[in-house]
Amino acid sequence: MRLSLDHSDGAPYSFCASQTYALDEATLVVTLGKNTRDEALPFGLGLHPFPMREADNELSAAVGGFMALRR
């Protein structure tokens, strides 16, 4: 699956970005695309580390809200 955002008319910054999710047998491969604009941006994007999946692993989080991007 590929997610992309073209924010070429954005203020104060214009950028294009992408993130791809693919399965390689039992492995999830996540790839971040680079900014396709000529101007360098004063911020970056990265992936958070995650634990290895084991049969007895449980993950929980107290979430107070979320941010939805709208075009």
PDB file of N, CA and C in Angstrom:
ATOM      1  N   MET A   1       0.844  -1.136   0.000  1.00  0.00           N
ATOM      2  CA  MET A   1       0.000   0.000   0.000  1.00  0.00           C
ATOM      3  C   MET A   1       0.906   1.220   0.000  1.00  0.00           C
ATOM      4  N   ARG A   2       0.541   2.210  -0.789  1.00  0.00           N
ATOM      5  CA  ARG A   2       1.334   3.443  -0.822  1.00  0.00           C
ATOM      6  C   ARG A   2       0.456   4.617  -0.451  1.00  0.00           C
ATOM      7  N   LEU A   3       0.915   5.385   0.533  1.00  0.00           N
ATOM      8  CA  LEU A   3       0.249   6.608   0.943  1.00  0.00           C
ATOM      9  C   LEU A   3       1.086   7.773   0.442  1.00  0.00           C
ATOM     10  N   SER A   4       0.437   8.771  -0.108  1.00  0.00           N
ATOM     11  CA  SER A   4       1.201   9.928  -0.565  1.00  0.00           C
ATOM     12  C   SER A   4       0.420  11.206  -0.287  1.00  0.00           C
ATOM     13  N   LEU A   5       1.163  12.270  -0.113  1.00  0.00           N
ATOM     14  CA  LEU A   5       0.584  13.584   0.139  1.00  0.00           C
ATOM     15  C   LEU A   5       1.312  14.601  -0.722  1.00  0.00           C
ATOM     16  N   ASP A   6       0.554  15.274  -1.574  1.00  0.00           N
ATOM     17  CA  ASP A   6       1.104  16.355  -2.394  1.00  0.00           C
ATOM     18  C   ASP A   6       0.576  17.659  -1.805  1.00  0.00           C
ATOM     19  N   HIS A   7       1.441  18.335  -1.119  1.00  0.00           N
ATOM     20  CA  HIS A   7       1.093  19.604  -0.459  1.00  0.00           C
ATOM     21  C   HIS A   7       1.820  20.727  -1.200  1.00  0.00           C
ATOM     22  N   SER A   8       1.727  20.696  -2.534  1.00  0.00           N
ATOM     23  CA  SER A   8       2.509  21.619  -3.361  1.00  0.00           C
ATOM     24  C   SER A   8       2.027  23.059  -3.278  1.00  0.00           C
ATOM     25  N   ASP A   9       0.805  23.278  -2.830  1.00  0.00           N
ATOM     26  CA  ASP A   9       0.322  24.653  -2.688  1.00  0.00           C
ATOM     27  C   ASP A   9       0.278  25.068  -1.218  1.00  0.00           C
ATOM     28  N   GLY A  10       1.035  24.367  -0.376  1.00  0.00           N
ATOM     29  CA  GLY A  10       1.004  24.601   1.066  1.00  0.00           C
ATOM     30  C   GLY A  10       1.745  25.844   1.488  1.00  0.00           C
ATOM     31  N   ALA A  11       1.251  26.420   2.566  1.00  0.00           N
ATOM     32  CA  ALA A  11       1.912  27.568   3.150  1.00  0.00           C
ATOM     33  C   ALA A  11       2.173  27.235   4.606  1.00  0.00           C
ATOM     34  N   PRO A  12       3.298  27.484   5.168  1.00  0.00           N
ATOM     35  CA  PRO A  12       4.427  28.162   4.533  1.00  0.00           C
ATOM     36  C   PRO A  12       5.350  27.240   3.747  1.00  0.00           C
ATOM     37  N   TYR A  13       5.094  25.914   3.722  1.00  0.00           N
ATOM     38  CA  TYR A  13       5.996  24.996   3.040  1.00  0.00           C
ATOM     39  C   TYR A  13       5.238  24.161   2.017  1.00  0.00           C
ATOM     40  N   SER A  14       5.897  23.881   0.913  1.00  0.00           N
ATOM     41  CA  SER A  14       5.353  22.983  -0.098  1.00  0.00           C
ATOM     42  C   SER A  14       6.199  21.720  -0.114  1.00  0.00           C
ATOM     43  N   PHE A  15       5.545  20.557  -0.194  1.00  0.00           N
ATOM     44  CA  PHE A  15       6.291  19.306  -0.212  1.00  0.00           C
ATOM     45  C   PHE A  15       5.429  18.187  -0.789  1.00  0.00           C
ATOM     46  N   CYS A  16       6.078  17.129  -1.195  1.00  0.00           N
ATOM     47  CA  CYS A  16       5.427  15.879  -1.571  1.00  0.00           C
ATOM     48  C   CYS A  16       6.110  14.782  -0.763  1.00  0.00           C
ATOM     49  N   ALA A  17       5.327  13.895  -0.186  1.00  0.00           N
ATOM     50  CA  ALA A  17       5.890  12.827   0.639  1.00  0.00           C
ATOM     51  C   ALA A  17       5.122  11.538   0.383  1.00  0.00           C
ATOM     52  N   SER A  18       5.783  10.401   0.644  1.00  0.00           N
ATOM     53  CA  SER A  18       5.111   9.117   0.476  1.00  0.00           C
ATOM     54  C   SER A  18       5.613   8.118   1.508  1.00  0.00           C
ATOM     55  N   GLN A  19       4.767   7.129   1.786  1.00  0.00           N
ATOM     56  CA  GLN A  19       5.113   6.042   2.683  1.00  0.00           C
ATOM     57  C   GLN A  19       4.511   4.777   2.083  1.00  0.00           C
ATOM     58  N   THR A  20       5.325   3.722   1.987  1.00  0.00           N
ATOM     59  CA  THR A  20       4.880   2.472   1.375  1.00  0.00           C
ATOM     60  C   THR A  20       4.964   1.339   2.377  1.00  0.00           C
ATOM     61  N   TYR A  21       3.921   0.520   2.428  1.00  0.00           N
ATOM     62  CA  TYR A  21       3.868  -0.689   3.256  1.00  0.00           C
ATOM     63  C   TYR A  21       3.796  -1.883   2.312  1.00  0.00           C
ATOM     64  N   ALA A  22       4.667  -2.869   2.521  1.00  0.00           N
ATOM     65  CA  ALA A  22       4.665  -4.074   1.688  1.00  0.00           C
ATOM     66  C   ALA A  22       4.968  -5.282   2.559  1.00  0.00           C
ATOM     67  N   LEU A  23       4.416  -6.425   2.162  1.00  0.00           N
ATOM     68  CA  LEU A  23       4.718  -7.679   2.841  1.00  0.00           C
ATOM     69  C   LEU A  23       5.710  -8.476   2.013  1.00  0.00           C
ATOM     70  N   ASP A  24       6.781  -8.901   2.646  1.00  0.00           N
ATOM     71  CA  ASP A  24       7.773  -9.784   2.032  1.00  0.00           C
ATOM     72  C   ASP A  24       7.753 -11.067   2.851  1.00  0.00           C
ATOM     73  N   GLU A  25       6.905 -11.992   2.425  1.00  0.00           N
ATOM     74  CA  GLU A  25       6.597 -13.204   3.185  1.00  0.00           C
ATOM     75  C   GLU A  25       6.053 -12.790   4.549  1.00  0.00           C
ATOM     76  N   ALA A  26       6.746 -13.062   5.648  1.00  0.00           N
ATOM     77  CA  ALA A  26       6.234 -12.717   6.981  1.00  0.00           C
ATOM     78  C   ALA A  26       6.797 -11.400   7.504  1.00  0.00           C
ATOM     79  N   THR A  27       7.439 -10.625   6.647  1.00  0.00           N
ATOM     80  CA  THR A  27       8.085  -9.385   7.078  1.00  0.00           C
ATOM     81  C   THR A  27       7.355  -8.169   6.510  1.00  0.00           C
ATOM     82  N   LEU A  28       7.049  -7.223   7.380  1.00  0.00           N
ATOM     83  CA  LEU A  28       6.474  -5.959   6.947  1.00  0.00           C
ATOM     84  C   LEU A  28       7.616  -5.012   6.606  1.00  0.00           C
ATOM     85  N   VAL A  29       7.603  -4.466   5.399  1.00  0.00           N
ATOM     86  CA  VAL A  29       8.626  -3.530   4.950  1.00  0.00           C
ATOM     87  C   VAL A  29       7.976  -2.164   4.796  1.00  0.00           C
ATOM     88  N   VAL A  30       8.495  -1.174   5.527  1.00  0.00           N
ATOM     89  CA  VAL A  30       7.967   0.182   5.477  1.00  0.00           C
ATOM     90  C   VAL A  30       9.045   1.082   4.881  1.00  0.00           C
ATOM     91  N   THR A  31       8.679   1.828   3.856  1.00  0.00           N
ATOM     92  CA  THR A  31       9.626   2.700   3.172  1.00  0.00           C
ATOM     93  C   THR A  31       9.084   4.117   3.157  1.00  0.00           C
ATOM     94  N   LEU A  32       9.927   5.076   3.540  1.00  0.00           N
ATOM     95  CA  LEU A  32       9.557   6.483   3.470  1.00  0.00           C
ATOM     96  C   LEU A  32      10.142   7.084   2.202  1.00  0.00           C
ATOM     97  N   GLY A  33       9.323   7.791   1.452  1.00  0.00           N
ATOM     98  CA  GLY A  33       9.811   8.486   0.263  1.00  0.00           C
ATOM     99  C   GLY A  33      10.421   9.815   0.655  1.00  0.00           C
ATOM    100  N   LYS A  34      11.233  10.354  -0.203  1.00  0.00           N
ATOM    101  CA  LYS A  34      11.876  11.628   0.115  1.00  0.00           C
ATOM    102  C   LYS A  34      11.053  12.795  -0.412  1.00  0.00           C
ATOM    103  N   ASN A  35      11.335  13.966   0.124  1.00  0.00           N
ATOM    104  CA  ASN A  35      10.692  15.178  -0.350  1.00  0.00           C
ATOM    105  C   ASN A  35      11.073  15.384  -1.815  1.00  0.00           C
ATOM    106  N   THR A  36      10.096  15.603  -2.667  1.00  0.00           N
ATOM    107  CA  THR A  36      10.383  15.754  -4.097  1.00  0.00           C
ATOM    108  C   THR A  36      10.500  17.209  -4.524  1.00  0.00           C
ATOM    109  N   ARG A  37      10.471  18.120  -3.597  1.00  0.00           N
ATOM    110  CA  ARG A  37      10.634  19.543  -3.916  1.00  0.00           C
ATOM    111  C   ARG A  37      12.103  19.930  -3.801  1.00  0.00           C
ATOM    112  N   ASP A  38      12.458  21.026  -4.432  1.00  0.00           N
ATOM    113  CA  ASP A  38      13.846  21.495  -4.417  1.00  0.00           C
ATOM    114  C   ASP A  38      14.235  22.146  -3.090  1.00  0.00           C
ATOM    115  N   GLU A  39      13.288  22.759  -2.410  1.00  0.00           N
ATOM    116  CA  GLU A  39      13.573  23.484  -1.175  1.00  0.00           C
ATOM    117  C   GLU A  39      13.716  22.525   0.008  1.00  0.00           C
ATOM    118  N   ALA A  40      14.762  22.705   0.805  1.00  0.00           N
ATOM    119  CA  ALA A  40      14.934  21.909   2.021  1.00  0.00           C
ATOM    120  C   ALA A  40      13.903  22.349   3.057  1.00  0.00           C
ATOM    121  N   LEU A  41      13.410  21.402   3.835  1.00  0.00           N
ATOM    122  CA  LEU A  41      12.403  21.698   4.852  1.00  0.00           C
ATOM    123  C   LEU A  41      13.037  21.716   6.236  1.00  0.00           C
ATOM    124  N   PRO A  42      12.504  22.535   7.155  1.00  0.00           N
ATOM    125  CA  PRO A  42      13.075  22.609   8.510  1.00  0.00           C
ATOM    126  C   PRO A  42      12.538  21.533   9.456  1.00  0.00           C
ATOM    127  N   PHE A  43      12.024  20.445   8.924  1.00  0.00           N
ATOM    128  CA  PHE A  43      11.516  19.353   9.741  1.00  0.00           C
ATOM    129  C   PHE A  43      11.724  18.052   8.989  1.00  0.00           C
ATOM    130  N   GLY A  44      11.560  16.935   9.674  1.00  0.00           N
ATOM    131  CA  GLY A  44      11.779  15.636   9.052  1.00  0.00           C
ATOM    132  C   GLY A  44      10.684  14.653   9.418  1.00  0.00           C
ATOM    133  N   LEU A  45      10.833  13.434   8.955  1.00  0.00           N
ATOM    134  CA  LEU A  45       9.875  12.374   9.198  1.00  0.00           C
ATOM    135  C   LEU A  45      10.642  11.101   9.490  1.00  0.00           C
ATOM    136  N   GLY A  46      10.163  10.313  10.414  1.00  0.00           N
ATOM    137  CA  GLY A  46      10.844   9.070  10.739  1.00  0.00           C
ATOM    138  C   GLY A  46       9.868   8.040  11.259  1.00  0.00           C
ATOM    139  N   LEU A  47      10.364   6.861  11.523  1.00  0.00           N
ATOM    140  CA  LEU A  47       9.561   5.771  12.070  1.00  0.00           C
ATOM    141  C   LEU A  47       9.970   5.521  13.507  1.00  0.00           C
ATOM    142  N   HIS A  48       8.996   5.261  14.359  1.00  0.00           N
ATOM    143  CA  HIS A  48       9.288   4.932  15.744  1.00  0.00           C
ATOM    144  C   HIS A  48       9.699   3.462  15.836  1.00  0.00           C
ATOM    145  N   PRO A  49      10.582   3.120  16.748  1.00  0.00           N
ATOM    146  CA  PRO A  49      10.926   1.699  16.928  1.00  0.00           C
ATOM    147  C   PRO A  49       9.719   0.938  17.456  1.00  0.00           C
ATOM    148  N   PHE A  50       9.678  -0.330  17.200  1.00  0.00           N
ATOM    149  CA  PHE A  50       8.562  -1.145  17.659  1.00  0.00           C
ATOM    150  C   PHE A  50       9.097  -2.476  18.176  1.00  0.00           C
ATOM    151  N   PRO A  51       8.356  -3.110  19.106  1.00  0.00           N
ATOM    152  CA  PRO A  51       8.817  -4.387  19.667  1.00  0.00           C
ATOM    153  C   PRO A  51       8.593  -5.527  18.681  1.00  0.00           C
ATOM    154  N   MET A  52       9.363  -6.568  18.827  1.00  0.00           N
ATOM    155  CA  MET A  52       9.157  -7.770  18.014  1.00  0.00           C
ATOM    156  C   MET A  52       7.844  -8.423  18.436  1.00  0.00           C
ATOM    157  N   ARG A  53       7.120  -8.964  17.478  1.00  0.00           N
ATOM    158  CA  ARG A  53       5.853  -9.612  17.781  1.00  0.00           C
ATOM    159  C   ARG A  53       6.098 -11.019  18.319  1.00  0.00           C
ATOM    160  N   GLU A  54       5.543 -11.283  19.482  1.00  0.00           N
ATOM    161  CA  GLU A  54       5.605 -12.602  20.106  1.00  0.00           C
ATOM    162  C   GLU A  54       4.176 -12.985  20.482  1.00  0.00           C
ATOM    163  N   ALA A  55       3.920 -14.264  20.659  1.00  0.00           N
ATOM    164  CA  ALA A  55       2.564 -14.740  20.937  1.00  0.00           C
ATOM    165  C   ALA A  55       1.975 -14.121  22.205  1.00  0.00           C
ATOM    166  N   ASP A  56       2.805 -13.815  23.200  1.00  0.00           N
ATOM    167  CA  ASP A  56       2.280 -13.290  24.460  1.00  0.00           C
ATOM    168  C   ASP A  56       2.426 -11.767  24.592  1.00  0.00           C
ATOM    169  N   ASN A  57       2.813 -11.078  23.523  1.00  0.00           N
ATOM    170  CA  ASN A  57       2.932  -9.620  23.574  1.00  0.00           C
ATOM    171  C   ASN A  57       1.557  -8.970  23.610  1.00  0.00           C
ATOM    172  N   GLU A  58       1.451  -7.915  24.383  1.00  0.00           N
ATOM    173  CA  GLU A  58       0.258  -7.082  24.387  1.00  0.00           C
ATOM    174  C   GLU A  58       0.712  -5.642  24.311  1.00  0.00           C
ATOM    175  N   LEU A  59      -0.025  -4.840  23.583  1.00  0.00           N
ATOM    176  CA  LEU A  59       0.300  -3.433  23.429  1.00  0.00           C
ATOM    177  C   LEU A  59      -0.935  -2.626  23.773  1.00  0.00           C
ATOM    178  N   SER A  60      -0.771  -1.632  24.625  1.00  0.00           N
ATOM    179  CA  SER A  60      -1.889  -0.756  24.954  1.00  0.00           C
ATOM    180  C   SER A  60      -1.381   0.673  25.050  1.00  0.00           C
ATOM    181  N   ALA A  61      -2.299   1.615  24.850  1.00  0.00           N
ATOM    182  CA  ALA A  61      -1.935   3.026  24.924  1.00  0.00           C
ATOM    183  C   ALA A  61      -3.150   3.827  25.369  1.00  0.00           C
ATOM    184  N   ALA A  62      -2.921   4.768  26.260  1.00  0.00           N
ATOM    185  CA  ALA A  62      -3.987   5.691  26.658  1.00  0.00           C
ATOM    186  C   ALA A  62      -3.978   6.838  25.650  1.00  0.00           C
ATOM    187  N   VAL A  63      -5.014   6.926  24.870  1.00  0.00           N
ATOM    188  CA  VAL A  63      -5.074   7.923  23.800  1.00  0.00           C
ATOM    189  C   VAL A  63      -6.160   8.927  24.127  1.00  0.00           C
ATOM    190  N   GLY A  64      -5.783  10.188  24.123  1.00  0.00           N
ATOM    191  CA  GLY A  64      -6.747  11.247  24.421  1.00  0.00           C
ATOM    192  C   GLY A  64      -7.302  11.922  23.192  1.00  0.00           C
ATOM    193  N   GLY A  65      -6.808  11.575  22.014  1.00  0.00           N
ATOM    194  CA  GLY A  65      -7.287  12.192  20.786  1.00  0.00           C
ATOM    195  C   GLY A  65      -6.396  11.811  19.618  1.00  0.00           C
ATOM    196  N   PHE A  66      -6.716  12.316  18.469  1.00  0.00           N
ATOM    197  CA  PHE A  66      -5.902  12.069  17.285  1.00  0.00           C
ATOM    198  C   PHE A  66      -6.033  13.258  16.353  1.00  0.00           C
ATOM    199  N   MET A  67      -5.119  13.366  15.419  1.00  0.00           N
ATOM    200  CA  MET A  67      -5.130  14.446  14.453  1.00  0.00           C
ATOM    201  C   MET A  67      -5.418  13.864  13.084  1.00  0.00           C
ATOM    202  N   ALA A  68      -6.410  14.384  12.419  1.00  0.00           N
ATOM    203  CA  ALA A  68      -6.744  13.925  11.068  1.00  0.00           C
ATOM    204  C   ALA A  68      -6.345  15.022  10.074  1.00  0.00           C
ATOM    205  N   LEU A  69      -5.601  14.633   9.052  1.00  0.00           N
ATOM    206  CA  LEU A  69      -5.213  15.583   8.016  1.00  0.00           C
ATOM    207  C   LEU A  69      -6.304  15.632   6.966  1.00  0.00           C
ATOM    208  N   ARG A  70      -6.704  16.822   6.613  1.00  0.00           N
ATOM    209  CA  ARG A  70      -7.749  16.979   5.596  1.00  0.00           C
ATOM    210  C   ARG A  70      -7.225  17.877   4.500  1.00  0.00           C
ATOM    211  N   ARG A  71      -7.643  17.574   3.299  1.00  0.00           N
ATOM    212  CA  ARG A  71      -7.247  18.402   2.162  1.00  0.00           C
ATOM    213  C   ARG A  71      -8.381  19.265   1.726  1.00  0.00           C
TER     214      ARG A  71
END
